[in-house]
Amino acid sequence: MLFIACAAIARDNTGGEETLTFGKVKIHVESESGLSLPAPIVENWVRRSAVAVTNYIGFFPAKNLHVEIHRGDGGAVDGGVTHGDSRIDVWLGPRAKERDLLQDWVLTHEMFHLAFPTLNRRYLWMMEGLSDYLEPIARARAGQWADRDAWKEFADGLPQGLPIANEQGLDDSHGRDRIYWGGNLYWLLADVRIRVKTNNRRGLEDAIRAILKEGGNGGADWSIDKVLRVGDKATATTVLKELYEEIGVNRGNIDLNAIWKSLGVVYKNDAIQFDDSAPLAAVRKSITQPK
């Protein structure tokens, strides 16, 4: 269900500020003067991102959120930072176009940080990897881009998250690829394994909802043990804990080609095709197809 597609917009028209109201949720958008795009396009970008996140989780992970839009130096969306569970800063470059915002992943990524607690720095891969994994899935489920595009992103990027040379588990990772793509891989594997063990009755979203309902939002400090315990309880599995031991603590031995084959993800001529006869084709569909 899409909970905020029919949101009303309350405009205060002062100092570049707008408030998007979705039921009891208020998203305050404050735009720096001199942006290259008009307010309605920026508001639609914020709204689309919030729709994708809400559609995935089932509710928006903050009651009051401030989104501050700053002028950047690049060509489109220059990056973002999430502060706890109440504020996001994002930067738009002077050459940003409406089509850039329609294709943007950054703001959706940042909004997912609202939905997961802050962990010790050694588990940065778990925090960043979750937002990295969920944003393409959420946008695909919301019909904002094709599920083939989401799987192509995984097929292109996830090899960069595998350990190289003397790297061990994901804990204490410092390289960007290992943090983002390695963390992304952890959550993809977790999602697939949860669905396999529960015959597709549960998925990663069940774990994230349970963590949120226990107060584990971006403003909370949790231990990794609590994340694993609450998430596994929600799915009635031990997937998160076992996978953490496998590739968080230890190096692990992940065969991506075998994973793609089982899911029916076929990379051919720089494009993704689907094999619906694959053993886990139904799992693949449940992860990214629009809902």
C-alpha atoms as a PDB file:
ATOM      1  CA  MET A   1       0.000   0.000   0.000  1.00  0.00           C
ATOM      2  CA  LEU A   2       1.128   3.520  -0.788  1.00  0.00           C
ATOM      3  CA  PHE A   3       0.424   5.619   2.265  1.00  0.00           C
ATOM      4  CA  ILE A   4       1.437   9.128   1.226  1.00  0.00           C
ATOM      5  CA  ALA A   5       0.711   9.401  -2.477  1.00  0.00           C
ATOM      6  CA  CYS A   6      -2.265  11.667  -1.768  1.00  0.00           C
ATOM      7  CA  ALA A   7      -0.448  13.936   0.640  1.00  0.00           C
ATOM      8  CA  ALA A   8      -1.575  17.513   1.060  1.00  0.00           C
ATOM      9  CA  ILE A   9       0.975  20.319   0.859  1.00  0.00           C
ATOM     10  CA  ALA A  10       0.798  23.183   3.325  1.00  0.00           C
ATOM     11  CA  ARG A  11       2.739  26.184   2.022  1.00  0.00           C
ATOM     12  CA  ASP A  12       4.084  28.859   4.303  1.00  0.00           C
ATOM     13  CA  ASN A  13       5.994  30.731   1.559  1.00  0.00           C
ATOM     14  CA  THR A  14       8.537  32.256   3.918  1.00  0.00           C
ATOM     15  CA  GLY A  15      12.276  32.064   3.524  1.00  0.00           C
ATOM     16  CA  GLY A  16      12.170  29.246   0.983  1.00  0.00           C
ATOM     17  CA  GLU A  17      10.351  26.926   3.387  1.00  0.00           C
ATOM     18  CA  GLU A  18       7.554  24.479   2.597  1.00  0.00           C
ATOM     19  CA  THR A  19       5.881  21.829   4.730  1.00  0.00           C
ATOM     20  CA  LEU A  20       4.740  18.547   3.183  1.00  0.00           C
ATOM     21  CA  THR A  21       2.073  16.971   5.360  1.00  0.00           C
ATOM     22  CA  PHE A  22       1.366  13.246   5.150  1.00  0.00           C
ATOM     23  CA  GLY A  23      -1.230  12.410   7.758  1.00  0.00           C
ATOM     24  CA  LYS A  24       0.586  12.920  11.067  1.00  0.00           C
ATOM     25  CA  VAL A  25       3.982  13.184   9.366  1.00  0.00           C
ATOM     26  CA  LYS A  26       5.410  16.586   8.533  1.00  0.00           C
ATOM     27  CA  ILE A  27       8.424  17.080   6.289  1.00  0.00           C
ATOM     28  CA  HIS A  28       9.743  20.631   6.428  1.00  0.00           C
ATOM     29  CA  VAL A  29      11.675  21.522   3.296  1.00  0.00           C
ATOM     30  CA  GLU A  30      14.003  24.499   3.555  1.00  0.00           C
ATOM     31  CA  SER A  31      15.685  25.527   0.309  1.00  0.00           C
ATOM     32  CA  GLU A  32      18.704  27.767   0.126  1.00  0.00           C
ATOM     33  CA  SER A  33      18.285  30.745  -2.182  1.00  0.00           C
ATOM     34  CA  GLY A  34      19.795  30.519  -5.640  1.00  0.00           C
ATOM     35  CA  LEU A  35      18.941  26.888  -6.441  1.00  0.00           C
ATOM     36  CA  SER A  36      18.782  26.045 -10.132  1.00  0.00           C
ATOM     37  CA  LEU A  37      15.378  24.345  -9.826  1.00  0.00           C
ATOM     38  CA  PRO A  38      12.029  25.838  -8.774  1.00  0.00           C
ATOM     39  CA  ALA A  39      10.385  24.860  -5.497  1.00  0.00           C
ATOM     40  CA  PRO A  40       7.659  22.571  -6.983  1.00  0.00           C
ATOM     41  CA  ILE A  41      10.272  20.340  -8.634  1.00  0.00           C
ATOM     42  CA  VAL A  42      12.314  20.146  -5.438  1.00  0.00           C
ATOM     43  CA  GLU A  43       9.174  19.367  -3.420  1.00  0.00           C
ATOM     44  CA  ASN A  44       8.238  16.595  -5.830  1.00  0.00           C
ATOM     45  CA  TRP A  45      11.717  15.101  -5.401  1.00  0.00           C
ATOM     46  CA  VAL A  46      11.306  15.047  -1.617  1.00  0.00           C
ATOM     47  CA  ARG A  47       7.821  13.603  -1.956  1.00  0.00           C
ATOM     48  CA  ARG A  48       8.921  10.815  -4.345  1.00  0.00           C
ATOM     49  CA  SER A  49      11.692   9.790  -1.982  1.00  0.00           C
ATOM     50  CA  ALA A  50       9.319   9.733   0.980  1.00  0.00           C
ATOM     51  CA  VAL A  51       6.783   7.690  -1.014  1.00  0.00           C
ATOM     52  CA  ALA A  52       9.415   5.062  -1.861  1.00  0.00           C
ATOM     53  CA  VAL A  53      10.522   4.732   1.774  1.00  0.00           C
ATOM     54  CA  THR A  54       6.964   4.646   3.130  1.00  0.00           C
ATOM     55  CA  ASN A  55       5.871   2.121   0.539  1.00  0.00           C
ATOM     56  CA  TYR A  56       8.692  -0.215   1.570  1.00  0.00           C
ATOM     57  CA  ILE A  57       8.430   0.056   5.352  1.00  0.00           C
ATOM     58  CA  GLY A  58       4.677   0.601   5.605  1.00  0.00           C
ATOM     59  CA  PHE A  59       5.053   3.921   7.421  1.00  0.00           C
ATOM     60  CA  PHE A  60       7.453   6.852   7.289  1.00  0.00           C
ATOM     61  CA  PRO A  61      10.227   6.459   9.884  1.00  0.00           C
ATOM     62  CA  ALA A  62       9.988   9.990  11.325  1.00  0.00           C
ATOM     63  CA  LYS A  63       7.131  12.169  12.575  1.00  0.00           C
ATOM     64  CA  ASN A  64       8.852  15.487  11.945  1.00  0.00           C
ATOM     65  CA  LEU A  65      11.688  15.754   9.461  1.00  0.00           C
ATOM     66  CA  HIS A  66      13.633  18.781   8.305  1.00  0.00           C
ATOM     67  CA  VAL A  67      15.136  18.491   4.824  1.00  0.00           C
ATOM     68  CA  GLU A  68      17.581  21.300   4.092  1.00  0.00           C
ATOM     69  CA  ILE A  69      18.474  21.790   0.426  1.00  0.00           C
ATOM     70  CA  HIS A  70      21.826  23.507  -0.124  1.00  0.00           C
ATOM     71  CA  ARG A  71      23.614  24.748  -3.206  1.00  0.00           C
ATOM     72  CA  GLY A  72      26.314  22.312  -4.279  1.00  0.00           C
ATOM     73  CA  ASP A  73      29.228  22.529  -6.683  1.00  0.00           C
ATOM     74  CA  GLY A  74      28.558  19.483  -8.874  1.00  0.00           C
ATOM     75  CA  GLY A  75      26.237  18.792 -11.759  1.00  0.00           C
ATOM     76  CA  ALA A  76      23.246  17.257  -9.979  1.00  0.00           C
ATOM     77  CA  VAL A  77      22.787  15.831  -6.479  1.00  0.00           C
ATOM     78  CA  ASP A  78      26.133  16.285  -4.720  1.00  0.00           C
ATOM     79  CA  GLY A  79      25.411  14.160  -1.672  1.00  0.00           C
ATOM     80  CA  GLY A  80      23.536  14.076   1.596  1.00  0.00           C
ATOM     81  CA  VAL A  81      23.917  13.645   5.335  1.00  0.00           C
ATOM     82  CA  THR A  82      21.336  12.379   7.821  1.00  0.00           C
ATOM     83  CA  HIS A  83      21.370  13.698  11.382  1.00  0.00           C
ATOM     84  CA  GLY A  84      19.669  11.319  13.804  1.00  0.00           C
ATOM     85  CA  ASP A  85      15.957  10.933  13.106  1.00  0.00           C
ATOM     86  CA  SER A  86      15.055  14.562  12.455  1.00  0.00           C
ATOM     87  CA  ARG A  87      17.202  16.245   9.785  1.00  0.00           C
ATOM     88  CA  ILE A  88      18.674  15.588   6.360  1.00  0.00           C
ATOM     89  CA  ASP A  89      21.013  17.909   4.455  1.00  0.00           C
ATOM     90  CA  VAL A  90      21.334  17.488   0.692  1.00  0.00           C
ATOM     91  CA  TRP A  91      23.204  19.475  -1.943  1.00  0.00           C
ATOM     92  CA  LEU A  92      22.037  20.317  -5.459  1.00  0.00           C
ATOM     93  CA  GLY A  93      24.558  21.368  -8.065  1.00  0.00           C
ATOM     94  CA  PRO A  94      24.052  24.366 -10.361  1.00  0.00           C
ATOM     95  CA  ARG A  95      23.460  22.120 -13.380  1.00  0.00           C
ATOM     96  CA  ALA A  96      20.814  19.920 -11.740  1.00  0.00           C
ATOM     97  CA  LYS A  97      17.806  19.242 -13.971  1.00  0.00           C
ATOM     98  CA  GLU A  98      14.377  17.856 -13.200  1.00  0.00           C
ATOM     99  CA  ARG A  99      15.318  14.543 -14.828  1.00  0.00           C
ATOM    100  CA  ASP A 100      18.245  14.246 -12.401  1.00  0.00           C
ATOM    101  CA  LEU A 101      15.878  14.413  -9.456  1.00  0.00           C
ATOM    102  CA  LEU A 102      13.511  11.897 -11.053  1.00  0.00           C
ATOM    103  CA  GLN A 103      16.441   9.454 -11.270  1.00  0.00           C
ATOM    104  CA  ASP A 104      18.047  10.374  -7.952  1.00  0.00           C
ATOM    105  CA  TRP A 105      18.880   7.777  -5.322  1.00  0.00           C
ATOM    106  CA  VAL A 106      20.650   9.975  -2.740  1.00  0.00           C
ATOM    107  CA  LEU A 107      17.630  11.340  -0.892  1.00  0.00           C
ATOM    108  CA  THR A 108      15.947   7.934  -0.686  1.00  0.00           C
ATOM    109  CA  HIS A 109      19.217   6.529   0.678  1.00  0.00           C
ATOM    110  CA  GLU A 110      19.361   9.253   3.325  1.00  0.00           C
ATOM    111  CA  MET A 111      15.736   8.745   4.354  1.00  0.00           C
ATOM    112  CA  PHE A 112      16.426   5.070   5.036  1.00  0.00           C
ATOM    113  CA  HIS A 113      19.037   6.149   7.585  1.00  0.00           C
ATOM    114  CA  LEU A 114      16.075   7.431   9.613  1.00  0.00           C
ATOM    115  CA  ALA A 115      14.881   3.833   9.870  1.00  0.00           C
ATOM    116  CA  PHE A 116      17.920   2.221  11.488  1.00  0.00           C
ATOM    117  CA  PRO A 117      19.787   2.881  14.734  1.00  0.00           C
ATOM    118  CA  THR A 118      23.292   4.279  15.060  1.00  0.00           C
ATOM    119  CA  LEU A 119      25.896   1.597  15.748  1.00  0.00           C
ATOM    120  CA  ASN A 120      29.535   1.697  16.769  1.00  0.00           C
ATOM    121  CA  ARG A 121      31.823   2.978  13.989  1.00  0.00           C
ATOM    122  CA  ARG A 122      33.194  -0.511  13.341  1.00  0.00           C
ATOM    123  CA  TYR A 123      29.729  -1.455  11.984  1.00  0.00           C
ATOM    124  CA  LEU A 124      29.466   1.461   9.565  1.00  0.00           C
ATOM    125  CA  TRP A 125      29.112  -1.112   6.792  1.00  0.00           C
ATOM    126  CA  MET A 126      25.850  -2.331   8.323  1.00  0.00           C
ATOM    127  CA  MET A 127      24.330   1.169   8.466  1.00  0.00           C
ATOM    128  CA  GLU A 128      25.468   2.403   5.053  1.00  0.00           C
ATOM    129  CA  GLY A 129      24.952  -0.970   3.427  1.00  0.00           C
ATOM    130  CA  LEU A 130      21.318  -1.070   4.530  1.00  0.00           C
ATOM    131  CA  SER A 131      20.467   2.296   2.984  1.00  0.00           C
ATOM    132  CA  ASP A 132      22.402   1.314  -0.137  1.00  0.00           C
ATOM    133  CA  TYR A 133      20.495  -1.960  -0.439  1.00  0.00           C
ATOM    134  CA  LEU A 134      17.027  -0.627   0.277  1.00  0.00           C
ATOM    135  CA  GLU A 135      16.973   2.474  -1.926  1.00  0.00           C
ATOM    136  CA  PRO A 136      16.960   0.681  -5.319  1.00  0.00           C
ATOM    137  CA  ILE A 137      14.465  -1.880  -4.029  1.00  0.00           C
ATOM    138  CA  ALA A 138      12.132   0.776  -2.635  1.00  0.00           C
ATOM    139  CA  ARG A 139      12.234   2.804  -5.836  1.00  0.00           C
ATOM    140  CA  ALA A 140      11.519  -0.307  -7.913  1.00  0.00           C
ATOM    141  CA  ARG A 141       8.617  -1.335  -5.670  1.00  0.00           C
ATOM    142  CA  ALA A 142       7.160   2.166  -5.908  1.00  0.00           C
ATOM    143  CA  GLY A 143       7.345   2.013  -9.713  1.00  0.00           C
ATOM    144  CA  GLN A 144       9.924   4.786  -9.874  1.00  0.00           C
ATOM    145  CA  TRP A 145      12.276   2.676 -11.964  1.00  0.00           C
ATOM    146  CA  ALA A 146      12.368  -0.843 -13.408  1.00  0.00           C
ATOM    147  CA  ASP A 147      13.224  -3.885 -11.307  1.00  0.00           C
ATOM    148  CA  ARG A 148      15.758  -4.825 -14.006  1.00  0.00           C
ATOM    149  CA  ASP A 149      17.591  -1.582 -13.249  1.00  0.00           C
ATOM    150  CA  ALA A 150      17.762  -2.483  -9.565  1.00  0.00           C
ATOM    151  CA  TRP A 151      19.193  -5.929 -10.276  1.00  0.00           C
ATOM    152  CA  LYS A 152      21.663  -4.474 -12.774  1.00  0.00           C
ATOM    153  CA  GLU A 153      22.889  -2.126 -10.067  1.00  0.00           C
ATOM    154  CA  PHE A 154      23.445  -5.092  -7.767  1.00  0.00           C
ATOM    155  CA  ALA A 155      25.152  -7.149 -10.470  1.00  0.00           C
ATOM    156  CA  ASP A 156      27.453  -4.266 -11.397  1.00  0.00           C
ATOM    157  CA  GLY A 157      28.298  -3.151  -7.883  1.00  0.00           C
ATOM    158  CA  LEU A 158      28.294  -6.083  -5.487  1.00  0.00           C
ATOM    159  CA  PRO A 159      31.562  -7.641  -6.730  1.00  0.00           C
ATOM    160  CA  GLN A 160      33.250  -4.496  -5.382  1.00  0.00           C
ATOM    161  CA  GLY A 161      32.103  -5.442  -1.883  1.00  0.00           C
ATOM    162  CA  LEU A 162      33.832  -8.825  -1.793  1.00  0.00           C
ATOM    163  CA  PRO A 163      36.995  -9.078   0.333  1.00  0.00           C
ATOM    164  CA  ILE A 164      40.319  -8.628  -1.410  1.00  0.00           C
ATOM    165  CA  ALA A 165      43.930  -9.377  -0.451  1.00  0.00           C
ATOM    166  CA  ASN A 166      44.155  -9.679   3.337  1.00  0.00           C
ATOM    167  CA  GLU A 167      40.695  -8.295   4.140  1.00  0.00           C
ATOM    168  CA  GLN A 168      38.753 -10.313   6.675  1.00  0.00           C
ATOM    169  CA  GLY A 169      35.163  -9.694   7.799  1.00  0.00           C
ATOM    170  CA  LEU A 170      33.224  -6.486   7.251  1.00  0.00           C
ATOM    171  CA  ASP A 171      33.774  -5.251  10.806  1.00  0.00           C
ATOM    172  CA  ASP A 172      36.201  -2.314  11.001  1.00  0.00           C
ATOM    173  CA  SER A 173      36.168  -1.823   7.217  1.00  0.00           C
ATOM    174  CA  HIS A 174      37.545   1.502   5.999  1.00  0.00           C
ATOM    175  CA  GLY A 175      37.438   1.287   2.192  1.00  0.00           C
ATOM    176  CA  ARG A 176      34.378   2.835   0.601  1.00  0.00           C
ATOM    177  CA  ASP A 177      33.585  -0.181  -1.613  1.00  0.00           C
ATOM    178  CA  ARG A 178      33.863  -2.605   1.281  1.00  0.00           C
ATOM    179  CA  ILE A 179      31.649  -0.436   3.502  1.00  0.00           C
ATOM    180  CA  TYR A 180      28.925   0.358   0.973  1.00  0.00           C
ATOM    181  CA  TRP A 181      28.939  -2.608  -1.393  1.00  0.00           C
ATOM    182  CA  GLY A 182      30.034  -5.101   1.252  1.00  0.00           C
ATOM    183  CA  GLY A 183      27.245  -3.944   3.543  1.00  0.00           C
ATOM    184  CA  ASN A 184      24.836  -4.012   0.613  1.00  0.00           C
ATOM    185  CA  LEU A 185      25.801  -7.642  -0.008  1.00  0.00           C
ATOM    186  CA  TYR A 186      25.134  -8.578   3.628  1.00  0.00           C
ATOM    187  CA  TRP A 187      21.583  -7.238   3.437  1.00  0.00           C
ATOM    188  CA  LEU A 188      20.838  -8.805   0.049  1.00  0.00           C
ATOM    189  CA  LEU A 189      21.960 -12.188   1.326  1.00  0.00           C
ATOM    190  CA  ALA A 190      19.932 -11.672   4.500  1.00  0.00           C
ATOM    191  CA  ASP A 191      16.802 -10.797   2.531  1.00  0.00           C
ATOM    192  CA  VAL A 192      17.171 -13.828   0.262  1.00  0.00           C
ATOM    193  CA  ARG A 193      17.870 -16.241   3.133  1.00  0.00           C
ATOM    194  CA  ILE A 194      14.975 -14.951   5.241  1.00  0.00           C
ATOM    195  CA  ARG A 195      12.609 -15.490   2.314  1.00  0.00           C
ATOM    196  CA  VAL A 196      13.978 -18.960   1.610  1.00  0.00           C
ATOM    197  CA  LYS A 197      13.689 -20.065   5.254  1.00  0.00           C
ATOM    198  CA  THR A 198      10.151 -18.696   5.604  1.00  0.00           C
ATOM    199  CA  ASN A 199       8.911 -19.832   2.173  1.00  0.00           C
ATOM    200  CA  ASN A 200       8.650 -16.174   1.164  1.00  0.00           C
ATOM    201  CA  ARG A 201       6.265 -15.339   3.997  1.00  0.00           C
ATOM    202  CA  ARG A 202       8.714 -12.877   5.553  1.00  0.00           C
ATOM    203  CA  GLY A 203      11.437 -10.607   4.252  1.00  0.00           C
ATOM    204  CA  LEU A 204      13.936  -8.035   5.411  1.00  0.00           C
ATOM    205  CA  GLU A 205      11.212  -5.397   5.729  1.00  0.00           C
ATOM    206  CA  ASP A 206       9.754  -7.378   8.641  1.00  0.00           C
ATOM    207  CA  ALA A 207      13.051  -7.061  10.510  1.00  0.00           C
ATOM    208  CA  ILE A 208      13.344  -3.328   9.773  1.00  0.00           C
ATOM    209  CA  ARG A 209       9.776  -2.649  10.917  1.00  0.00           C
ATOM    210  CA  ALA A 210      10.381  -4.526  14.157  1.00  0.00           C
ATOM    211  CA  ILE A 211      13.614  -2.627  14.827  1.00  0.00           C
ATOM    212  CA  LEU A 212      11.784   0.661  14.263  1.00  0.00           C
ATOM    213  CA  LYS A 213       8.885  -0.322  16.494  1.00  0.00           C
ATOM    214  CA  GLU A 214      11.397  -1.085  19.260  1.00  0.00           C
ATOM    215  CA  GLY A 215      12.670   2.485  18.954  1.00  0.00           C
ATOM    216  CA  GLY A 216      15.621   1.700  16.707  1.00  0.00           C
ATOM    217  CA  ASN A 217      15.474   4.790  14.494  1.00  0.00           C
ATOM    218  CA  GLY A 218      18.301   7.044  13.368  1.00  0.00           C
ATOM    219  CA  GLY A 219      18.270   8.893  16.670  1.00  0.00           C
ATOM    220  CA  ALA A 220      18.884   5.807  18.803  1.00  0.00           C
ATOM    221  CA  ASP A 221      22.206   4.212  19.763  1.00  0.00           C
ATOM    222  CA  TRP A 222      22.025   0.432  19.701  1.00  0.00           C
ATOM    223  CA  SER A 223      24.430  -2.453  20.035  1.00  0.00           C
ATOM    224  CA  ILE A 224      24.790  -4.774  17.088  1.00  0.00           C
ATOM    225  CA  ASP A 225      23.609  -7.642  19.286  1.00  0.00           C
ATOM    226  CA  LYS A 226      20.287  -5.870  19.818  1.00  0.00           C
ATOM    227  CA  VAL A 227      19.851  -5.264  16.081  1.00  0.00           C
ATOM    228  CA  LEU A 228      20.471  -8.923  15.309  1.00  0.00           C
ATOM    229  CA  ARG A 229      18.236 -10.147  18.135  1.00  0.00           C
ATOM    230  CA  VAL A 230      15.241  -7.925  17.336  1.00  0.00           C
ATOM    231  CA  GLY A 231      15.544  -8.471  13.580  1.00  0.00           C
ATOM    232  CA  ASP A 232      15.810 -12.241  13.851  1.00  0.00           C
ATOM    233  CA  LYS A 233      12.905 -12.443  16.279  1.00  0.00           C
ATOM    234  CA  ALA A 234      10.676 -10.606  13.797  1.00  0.00           C
ATOM    235  CA  THR A 235      11.440 -13.101  11.027  1.00  0.00           C
ATOM    236  CA  ALA A 236      11.481 -16.160  13.310  1.00  0.00           C
ATOM    237  CA  THR A 237      14.905 -17.068  11.937  1.00  0.00           C
ATOM    238  CA  THR A 238      18.561 -16.703  12.941  1.00  0.00           C
ATOM    239  CA  VAL A 239      19.616 -15.374   9.549  1.00  0.00           C
ATOM    240  CA  LEU A 240      20.972 -11.991  10.657  1.00  0.00           C
ATOM    241  CA  LYS A 241      23.117 -13.425  13.451  1.00  0.00           C
ATOM    242  CA  GLU A 242      24.448 -16.334  11.371  1.00  0.00           C
ATOM    243  CA  LEU A 243      25.235 -14.150   8.381  1.00  0.00           C
ATOM    244  CA  TYR A 244      26.959 -11.620  10.619  1.00  0.00           C
ATOM    245  CA  GLU A 245      29.245 -14.363  11.910  1.00  0.00           C
ATOM    246  CA  GLU A 246      29.821 -15.550   8.346  1.00  0.00           C
ATOM    247  CA  ILE A 247      30.818 -12.296   6.640  1.00  0.00           C
ATOM    248  CA  GLY A 248      30.786  -9.637   9.351  1.00  0.00           C
ATOM    249  CA  VAL A 249      33.222 -11.309  11.726  1.00  0.00           C
ATOM    250  CA  ASN A 250      34.825 -13.656   9.206  1.00  0.00           C
ATOM    251  CA  ARG A 251      35.864 -13.361   5.583  1.00  0.00           C
ATOM    252  CA  GLY A 252      33.213 -15.721   4.268  1.00  0.00           C
ATOM    253  CA  ASN A 253      33.085 -17.329   0.854  1.00  0.00           C
ATOM    254  CA  ILE A 254      30.329 -15.831  -1.275  1.00  0.00           C
ATOM    255  CA  ASP A 255      29.737 -17.048  -4.855  1.00  0.00           C
ATOM    256  CA  LEU A 256      27.853 -14.222  -6.548  1.00  0.00           C
ATOM    257  CA  ASN A 257      27.466 -16.118  -9.822  1.00  0.00           C
ATOM    258  CA  ALA A 258      25.677 -18.911  -7.989  1.00  0.00           C
ATOM    259  CA  ILE A 259      23.398 -16.384  -6.299  1.00  0.00           C
ATOM    260  CA  TRP A 260      22.440 -14.745  -9.608  1.00  0.00           C
ATOM    261  CA  LYS A 261      21.770 -18.148 -11.174  1.00  0.00           C
ATOM    262  CA  SER A 262      19.520 -19.251  -8.321  1.00  0.00           C
ATOM    263  CA  LEU A 263      17.571 -15.966  -8.456  1.00  0.00           C
ATOM    264  CA  GLY A 264      17.268 -16.038 -12.235  1.00  0.00           C
ATOM    265  CA  VAL A 265      19.260 -12.839 -12.792  1.00  0.00           C
ATOM    266  CA  VAL A 266      21.001 -13.139 -16.158  1.00  0.00           C
ATOM    267  CA  TYR A 267      23.514 -10.462 -17.168  1.00  0.00           C
ATOM    268  CA  LYS A 268      23.841 -10.418 -20.951  1.00  0.00           C
ATOM    269  CA  ASN A 269      24.976  -7.685 -23.359  1.00  0.00           C
ATOM    270  CA  ASP A 270      25.170  -5.128 -20.537  1.00  0.00           C
ATOM    271  CA  ALA A 271      21.524  -5.718 -19.640  1.00  0.00           C
ATOM    272  CA  ILE A 272      19.566  -7.840 -17.199  1.00  0.00           C
ATOM    273  CA  GLN A 273      17.236 -10.596 -18.273  1.00  0.00           C
ATOM    274  CA  PHE A 274      15.176 -12.764 -15.935  1.00  0.00           C
ATOM    275  CA  ASP A 275      14.945 -16.546 -15.886  1.00  0.00           C
ATOM    276  CA  ASP A 276      11.632 -17.311 -14.229  1.00  0.00           C
ATOM    277  CA  SER A 277      12.433 -21.030 -14.166  1.00  0.00           C
ATOM    278  CA  ALA A 278      15.247 -20.433 -11.665  1.00  0.00           C
ATOM    279  CA  PRO A 279      14.716 -22.036  -8.228  1.00  0.00           C
ATOM    280  CA  LEU A 280      14.513 -18.699  -6.400  1.00  0.00           C
ATOM    281  CA  ALA A 281      12.757 -16.657  -9.088  1.00  0.00           C
ATOM    282  CA  ALA A 282       9.803 -16.114  -6.758  1.00  0.00           C
ATOM    283  CA  VAL A 283      12.171 -14.705  -4.128  1.00  0.00           C
ATOM    284  CA  ARG A 284      13.645 -12.298  -6.663  1.00  0.00           C
ATOM    285  CA  LYS A 285      10.195 -11.113  -7.648  1.00  0.00           C
ATOM    286  CA  SER A 286       9.101 -10.599  -4.059  1.00  0.00           C
ATOM    287  CA  ILE A 287      12.129  -8.408  -3.390  1.00  0.00           C
ATOM    288  CA  THR A 288      11.779  -5.858  -6.191  1.00  0.00           C
ATOM    289  CA  GLN A 289       8.510  -6.117  -8.053  1.00  0.00           C
ATOM    290  CA  PRO A 290       6.067  -3.218  -7.499  1.00  0.00           C
ATOM    291  CA  LYS A 291       3.734  -3.605  -4.544  1.00  0.00           C
END
